[in-house]
C-alpha atoms as a PDB file:
ATOM      1  CA  MET A   1     -15.207 -36.172  -6.948  1.00  0.00           C
ATOM      2  CA  SER A   2     -18.633 -34.554  -7.005  1.00  0.00           C
ATOM      3  CA  GLU A   3     -19.643 -32.526  -9.986  1.00  0.00           C
ATOM      4  CA  LYS A   4     -19.391 -28.765  -9.502  1.00  0.00           C
ATOM      5  CA  ALA A   5     -20.761 -25.757 -11.317  1.00  0.00           C
ATOM      6  CA  TYR A   6     -19.350 -22.258 -11.632  1.00  0.00           C
ATOM      7  CA  ALA A   7     -21.257 -19.006 -11.872  1.00  0.00           C
ATOM      8  CA  LEU A   8     -19.292 -16.666 -14.138  1.00  0.00           C
ATOM      9  CA  PHE A   9     -19.744 -12.906 -14.149  1.00  0.00           C
ATOM     10  CA  GLN A  10     -19.090  -9.880 -16.312  1.00  0.00           C
ATOM     11  CA  THR A  11     -18.073  -7.787 -13.286  1.00  0.00           C
ATOM     12  CA  GLN A  12     -16.693  -8.451  -9.814  1.00  0.00           C
ATOM     13  CA  SER A  13     -19.441  -6.332  -8.260  1.00  0.00           C
ATOM     14  CA  ASP A  14     -22.040  -8.727  -9.721  1.00  0.00           C
ATOM     15  CA  ALA A  15     -20.121 -11.659  -8.235  1.00  0.00           C
ATOM     16  CA  GLN A  16     -20.024  -9.978  -4.838  1.00  0.00           C
ATOM     17  CA  ARG A  17     -23.761  -9.215  -4.913  1.00  0.00           C
ATOM     18  CA  LEU A  18     -24.683 -12.817  -5.712  1.00  0.00           C
ATOM     19  CA  HIS A  19     -22.196 -14.130  -3.130  1.00  0.00           C
ATOM     20  CA  ARG A  20     -23.827 -11.970  -0.450  1.00  0.00           C
ATOM     21  CA  VAL A  21     -27.351 -13.173  -1.290  1.00  0.00           C
ATOM     22  CA  LEU A  22     -26.328 -16.841  -1.492  1.00  0.00           C
ATOM     23  CA  ARG A  23     -24.684 -16.534   1.908  1.00  0.00           C
ATOM     24  CA  GLU A  24     -27.834 -14.916   3.357  1.00  0.00           C
ATOM     25  CA  ARG A  25     -29.930 -17.774   1.960  1.00  0.00           C
ATOM     26  CA  GLU A  26     -27.429 -20.351   3.251  1.00  0.00           C
ATOM     27  CA  ILE A  27     -26.663 -21.875  -0.149  1.00  0.00           C
ATOM     28  CA  SER A  28     -23.282 -23.558   0.109  1.00  0.00           C
ATOM     29  CA  HIS A  29     -20.707 -22.101  -2.309  1.00  0.00           C
ATOM     30  CA  ASP A  30     -17.115 -20.912  -2.552  1.00  0.00           C
ATOM     31  CA  VAL A  31     -15.636 -17.780  -4.073  1.00  0.00           C
ATOM     32  CA  SER A  32     -12.853 -18.833  -6.419  1.00  0.00           C
ATOM     33  CA  PRO A  33     -10.738 -17.541  -9.242  1.00  0.00           C
ATOM     34  CA  THR A  34     -12.220 -18.357 -12.610  1.00  0.00           C
ATOM     35  CA  PRO A  35     -10.610 -21.527 -13.996  1.00  0.00           C
ATOM     36  CA  ARG A  36      -8.280 -20.749 -16.914  1.00  0.00           C
ATOM     37  CA  ASP A  37     -10.384 -22.633 -19.443  1.00  0.00           C
ATOM     38  CA  LEU A  38     -13.356 -20.432 -18.466  1.00  0.00           C
ATOM     39  CA  SER A  39     -11.399 -17.168 -18.362  1.00  0.00           C
ATOM     40  CA  ARG A  40     -13.769 -15.163 -20.531  1.00  0.00           C
ATOM     41  CA  SER A  41     -15.326 -13.724 -17.357  1.00  0.00           C
ATOM     42  CA  CYS A  42     -14.148 -11.066 -14.872  1.00  0.00           C
ATOM     43  CA  GLY A  43     -11.781 -13.445 -13.063  1.00  0.00           C
ATOM     44  CA  MET A  44     -13.995 -14.095 -10.050  1.00  0.00           C
ATOM     45  CA  ALA A  45     -16.369 -17.063  -9.912  1.00  0.00           C
ATOM     46  CA  LEU A  46     -18.659 -18.793  -7.461  1.00  0.00           C
ATOM     47  CA  ARG A  47     -18.312 -22.576  -7.232  1.00  0.00           C
ATOM     48  CA  PHE A  48     -21.170 -24.721  -5.955  1.00  0.00           C
ATOM     49  CA  SER A  49     -22.704 -28.173  -6.187  1.00  0.00           C
ATOM     50  CA  ILE A  50     -24.292 -29.092  -9.495  1.00  0.00           C
ATOM     51  CA  THR A  51     -27.500 -29.754  -7.547  1.00  0.00           C
ATOM     52  CA  GLU A  52     -27.797 -26.020  -6.792  1.00  0.00           C
ATOM     53  CA  VAL A  53     -27.733 -24.792 -10.416  1.00  0.00           C
ATOM     54  CA  THR A  54     -31.461 -24.064 -10.578  1.00  0.00           C
ATOM     55  CA  ALA A  55     -31.535 -22.268  -7.232  1.00  0.00           C
ATOM     56  CA  VAL A  56     -28.467 -20.149  -8.019  1.00  0.00           C
ATOM     57  CA  SER A  57     -29.802 -19.258 -11.479  1.00  0.00           C
ATOM     58  CA  ARG A  58     -33.179 -18.202 -10.078  1.00  0.00           C
ATOM     59  CA  ILE A  59     -31.625 -16.098  -7.344  1.00  0.00           C
ATOM     60  CA  ALA A  60     -29.280 -14.390  -9.815  1.00  0.00           C
ATOM     61  CA  GLU A  61     -32.234 -13.621 -12.071  1.00  0.00           C
ATOM     62  CA  SER A  62     -34.292 -12.263  -9.171  1.00  0.00           C
ATOM     63  CA  ILE A  63     -31.551  -9.777  -8.225  1.00  0.00           C
ATOM     64  CA  LYS A  64     -30.802  -8.969 -11.866  1.00  0.00           C
ATOM     65  CA  VAL A  65     -27.240 -10.288 -11.882  1.00  0.00           C
ATOM     66  CA  PRO A  66     -26.366 -11.780 -15.276  1.00  0.00           C
ATOM     67  CA  ILE A  67     -24.453 -15.042 -14.954  1.00  0.00           C
ATOM     68  CA  GLU A  68     -23.182 -17.826 -17.123  1.00  0.00           C
ATOM     69  CA  ILE A  69     -23.160 -21.325 -15.650  1.00  0.00           C
ATOM     70  CA  ALA A  70     -20.297 -23.699 -16.459  1.00  0.00           C
ATOM     71  CA  LYS A  71     -20.381 -27.310 -15.269  1.00  0.00           C
ATOM     72  CA  ARG A  72     -17.284 -29.359 -14.443  1.00  0.00           C
ATOM     73  CA  GLY A  73     -16.718 -32.923 -13.293  1.00  0.00           C
END
């Protein structure tokens, strides 16, 4: 199984904004419920390849969406 990362958000509107921009920039990701062990967020997460962490973080910063990245195997 390939290693995945999750972008966690304080609000669902932040998750939706980042999802929209990632889709526009054709960065592969999935919208998913936040895994239980990471449930300190709003309940909505974006899951993507670990290789995209830097790109996702930079895009989130550029649109002023605060995120927390969690990595999982």
